[in-house]
């Protein structure tokens, strides 16, 4: 049972790192979109 709990904990921590990576990627995409919008606004 203890090994199962350890495995679950490692899986949860892996999920957390995946989520944080996804969040950082999303924020990067948002900043890229903002830059594109600003560039479009500037071109008009």
PDB file of N, CA and C in Angstrom:
ATOM      1  N   UNK A   1       0.845  -1.204   0.000  1.00  0.00           N
ATOM      2  CA  UNK A   1       0.000   0.000   0.000  1.00  0.00           C
ATOM      3  C   UNK A   1       0.880   1.252   0.000  1.00  0.00           C
ATOM      4  N   UNK A   2       1.952   1.229   0.768  1.00  0.00           N
ATOM      5  CA  UNK A   2       2.827   2.409   0.828  1.00  0.00           C
ATOM      6  C   UNK A   2       3.399   2.744  -0.540  1.00  0.00           C
ATOM      7  N   UNK A   3       3.840   1.715  -1.273  1.00  0.00           N
ATOM      8  CA  UNK A   3       4.393   1.980  -2.601  1.00  0.00           C
ATOM      9  C   UNK A   3       3.317   2.570  -3.505  1.00  0.00           C
ATOM     10  N   UNK A   4       2.070   2.091  -3.367  1.00  0.00           N
ATOM     11  CA  UNK A   4       0.983   2.646  -4.167  1.00  0.00           C
ATOM     12  C   UNK A   4       0.813   4.132  -3.880  1.00  0.00           C
ATOM     13  N   UNK A   5       0.857   4.486  -2.602  1.00  0.00           N
ATOM     14  CA  UNK A   5       0.707   5.897  -2.221  1.00  0.00           C
ATOM     15  C   UNK A   5       1.853   6.720  -2.803  1.00  0.00           C
ATOM     16  N   UNK A   6       3.064   6.187  -2.724  1.00  0.00           N
ATOM     17  CA  UNK A   6       4.210   6.909  -3.285  1.00  0.00           C
ATOM     18  C   UNK A   6       4.021   7.111  -4.780  1.00  0.00           C
ATOM     19  N   UNK A   7       3.586   6.056  -5.480  1.00  0.00           N
ATOM     20  CA  UNK A   7       3.360   6.170  -6.922  1.00  0.00           C
ATOM     21  C   UNK A   7       2.301   7.224  -7.220  1.00  0.00           C
ATOM     22  N   UNK A   8       1.218   7.213  -6.436  1.00  0.00           N
ATOM     23  CA  UNK A   8       0.166   8.214  -6.630  1.00  0.00           C
ATOM     24  C   UNK A   8       0.717   9.615  -6.436  1.00  0.00           C
ATOM     25  N   UNK A   9       1.542   9.796  -5.402  1.00  0.00           N
ATOM     26  CA  UNK A   9       2.123  11.115  -5.127  1.00  0.00           C
ATOM     27  C   UNK A   9       2.990  11.570  -6.294  1.00  0.00           C
ATOM     28  N   UNK A  10       3.807  10.666  -6.817  1.00  0.00           N
ATOM     29  CA  UNK A  10       4.666  11.050  -7.941  1.00  0.00           C
ATOM     30  C   UNK A  10       3.815  11.404  -9.153  1.00  0.00           C
ATOM     31  N   UNK A  11       2.735  10.630  -9.390  1.00  0.00           N
ATOM     32  CA  UNK A  11       1.849  10.926 -10.521  1.00  0.00           C
ATOM     33  C   UNK A  11       1.210  12.296 -10.344  1.00  0.00           C
ATOM     34  N   UNK A  12       0.773  12.601  -9.131  1.00  0.00           N
ATOM     35  CA  UNK A  12       0.148  13.904  -8.855  1.00  0.00           C
ATOM     36  C   UNK A  12       1.152  15.026  -9.082  1.00  0.00           C
ATOM     37  N   UNK A  13       2.369  14.842  -8.603  1.00  0.00           N
ATOM     38  CA  UNK A  13       3.388  15.887  -8.782  1.00  0.00           C
ATOM     39  C   UNK A  13       3.688  16.072 -10.265  1.00  0.00           C
ATOM     40  N   UNK A  14       3.710  14.966 -11.022  1.00  0.00           N
ATOM     41  CA  UNK A  14       3.930  15.069 -12.468  1.00  0.00           C
ATOM     42  C   UNK A  14       2.791  15.839 -13.108  1.00  0.00           C
ATOM     43  N   UNK A  15       1.562  15.544 -12.694  1.00  0.00           N
ATOM     44  CA  UNK A  15       0.403  16.270 -13.220  1.00  0.00           C
ATOM     45  C   UNK A  15       0.534  17.755 -12.922  1.00  0.00           C
ATOM     46  N   UNK A  16       0.973  18.085 -11.704  1.00  0.00           N
ATOM     47  CA  UNK A  16       1.121  19.495 -11.322  1.00  0.00           C
ATOM     48  C   UNK A  16       2.144  20.193 -12.214  1.00  0.00           C
ATOM     49  N   UNK A  17       3.264  19.537 -12.466  1.00  0.00           N
ATOM     50  CA  UNK A  17       4.273  20.163 -13.318  1.00  0.00           C
ATOM     51  C   UNK A  17       3.715  20.350 -14.727  1.00  0.00           C
ATOM     52  N   UNK A  18       2.934  19.346 -15.206  1.00  0.00           N
ATOM     53  CA  UNK A  18       2.315  19.482 -16.522  1.00  0.00           C
ATOM     54  C   UNK A  18       1.391  20.695 -16.549  1.00  0.00           C
ATOM     55  N   UNK A  19       0.608  20.855 -15.490  1.00  0.00           N
ATOM     56  CA  UNK A  19      -0.327  21.983 -15.433  1.00  0.00           C
ATOM     57  C   UNK A  19       0.422  23.308 -15.433  1.00  0.00           C
ATOM     58  N   UNK A  20       1.490  23.402 -14.645  1.00  0.00           N
ATOM     59  CA  UNK A  20       2.248  24.652 -14.589  1.00  0.00           C
ATOM     60  C   UNK A  20       2.875  24.936 -15.959  1.00  0.00           C
ATOM     61  N   UNK A  21       3.353  23.883 -16.640  1.00  0.00           N
ATOM     62  CA  UNK A  21       3.918  24.080 -17.975  1.00  0.00           C
ATOM     63  C   UNK A  21       2.847  24.584 -18.930  1.00  0.00           C
ATOM     64  N   UNK A  22       1.645  23.985 -18.837  1.00  0.00           N
ATOM     65  CA  UNK A  22       0.546  24.419 -19.689  1.00  0.00           C
ATOM     66  C   UNK A  22       0.203  25.879 -19.423  1.00  0.00           C
ATOM     67  N   UNK A  23       0.179  26.258 -18.140  1.00  0.00           N
ATOM     68  CA  UNK A  23      -0.141  27.640 -17.787  1.00  0.00           C
ATOM     69  C   UNK A  23       0.886  28.598 -18.383  1.00  0.00           C
ATOM     70  N   UNK A  24       2.154  28.254 -18.278  1.00  0.00           N
ATOM     71  CA  UNK A  24       3.199  29.138 -18.805  1.00  0.00           C
ATOM     72  C   UNK A  24       3.069  29.247 -20.323  1.00  0.00           C
ATOM     73  N   UNK A  25       2.753  28.113 -20.982  1.00  0.00           N
ATOM     74  CA  UNK A  25       2.565  28.146 -22.429  1.00  0.00           C
ATOM     75  C   UNK A  25       1.377  29.026 -22.794  1.00  0.00           C
ATOM     76  N   UNK A  26       0.293  28.904 -22.022  1.00  0.00           N
ATOM     77  CA  UNK A  26      -0.896  29.714 -22.284  1.00  0.00           C
ATOM     78  C   UNK A  26      -0.566  31.195 -22.147  1.00  0.00           C
ATOM     79  N   UNK A  27       0.175  31.555 -21.108  1.00  0.00           N
ATOM     80  CA  UNK A  27       0.525  32.963 -20.894  1.00  0.00           C
ATOM     81  C   UNK A  27       1.398  33.456 -22.049  1.00  0.00           C
ATOM     82  N   UNK A  28       2.292  32.588 -22.546  1.00  0.00           N
ATOM     83  CA  UNK A  28       3.127  32.973 -23.687  1.00  0.00           C
ATOM     84  C   UNK A  28       2.261  33.218 -24.915  1.00  0.00           C
ATOM     85  N   UNK A  29       1.276  32.329 -25.131  1.00  0.00           N
ATOM     86  CA  UNK A  29       0.376  32.492 -26.270  1.00  0.00           C
ATOM     87  C   UNK A  29      -0.397  33.799 -26.140  1.00  0.00           C
ATOM     88  N   UNK A  30      -0.845  34.098 -24.913  1.00  0.00           N
ATOM     89  CA  UNK A  30      -1.589  35.338 -24.689  1.00  0.00           C
ATOM     90  C   UNK A  30      -0.739  36.547 -25.032  1.00  0.00           C
ATOM     91  N   UNK A  31       0.507  36.549 -24.586  1.00  0.00           N
ATOM     92  CA  UNK A  31       1.373  37.695 -24.864  1.00  0.00           C
ATOM     93  C   UNK A  31       1.608  37.807 -26.370  1.00  0.00           C
ATOM     94  N   UNK A  32       1.769  36.658 -27.043  1.00  0.00           N
ATOM     95  CA  UNK A  32       1.955  36.678 -28.494  1.00  0.00           C
ATOM     96  C   UNK A  32       0.729  37.271 -29.174  1.00  0.00           C
ATOM     97  N   UNK A  33      -0.463  36.866 -28.707  1.00  0.00           N
ATOM     98  CA  UNK A  33      -1.693  37.388 -29.286  1.00  0.00           C
ATOM     99  C   UNK A  33      -1.799  38.889 -29.070  1.00  0.00           C
ATOM    100  N   UNK A  34      -1.430  39.350 -27.877  1.00  0.00           N
ATOM    101  CA  UNK A  34      -1.463  40.786 -27.596  1.00  0.00           C
ATOM    102  C   UNK A  34      -0.530  41.533 -28.542  1.00  0.00           C
ATOM    103  N   UNK A  35       0.675  40.990 -28.730  1.00  0.00           N
ATOM    104  CA  UNK A  35       1.641  41.633 -29.633  1.00  0.00           C
ATOM    105  C   UNK A  35       1.070  41.705 -31.046  1.00  0.00           C
ATOM    106  N   UNK A  36       0.458  40.588 -31.500  1.00  0.00           N
ATOM    107  CA  UNK A  36      -0.115  40.561 -32.843  1.00  0.00           C
ATOM    108  C   UNK A  36      -1.223  41.602 -32.975  1.00  0.00           C
ATOM    109  N   UNK A  37      -2.072  41.709 -31.947  1.00  0.00           N
ATOM    110  CA  UNK A  37      -3.155  42.696 -31.976  1.00  0.00           C
ATOM    111  C   UNK A  37      -2.577  44.106 -32.039  1.00  0.00           C
ATOM    112  N   UNK A  38      -1.545  44.365 -31.251  1.00  0.00           N
ATOM    113  CA  UNK A  38      -0.917  45.689 -31.264  1.00  0.00           C
ATOM    114  C   UNK A  38      -0.318  45.975 -32.635  1.00  0.00           C
ATOM    115  N   UNK A  39       0.318  44.970 -33.218  1.00  0.00           N
ATOM    116  CA  UNK A  39       0.913  45.160 -34.536  1.00  0.00           C
ATOM    117  C   UNK A  39      -0.170  45.452 -35.575  1.00  0.00           C
ATOM    118  N   UNK A  40      -1.281  44.716 -35.483  1.00  0.00           N
ATOM    119  CA  UNK A  40      -2.390  44.955 -36.415  1.00  0.00           C
ATOM    120  C   UNK A  40      -2.929  46.367 -36.240  1.00  0.00           C
ATOM    121  N   UNK A  41      -3.123  46.774 -34.985  1.00  0.00           N
ATOM    122  CA  UNK A  41      -3.643  48.111 -34.715  1.00  0.00           C
ATOM    123  C   UNK A  41      -2.684  49.174 -35.248  1.00  0.00           C
ATOM    124  N   UNK A  42      -1.394  48.928 -35.114  1.00  0.00           N
ATOM    125  CA  UNK A  42      -0.403  49.897 -35.574  1.00  0.00           C
ATOM    126  C   UNK A  42      -0.382  49.975 -37.094  1.00  0.00           C
ATOM    127  N   UNK A  43      -0.663  48.853 -37.764  1.00  0.00           N
ATOM    128  CA  UNK A  43      -0.585  48.843 -39.227  1.00  0.00           C
ATOM    129  C   UNK A  43      -1.758  49.581 -39.861  1.00  0.00           C
ATOM    130  N   UNK A  44      -2.879  49.698 -39.139  1.00  0.00           N
ATOM    131  CA  UNK A  44      -4.048  50.383 -39.714  1.00  0.00           C
ATOM    132  C   UNK A  44      -3.931  51.900 -39.599  1.00  0.00           C
TER     133      UNK A  44
END
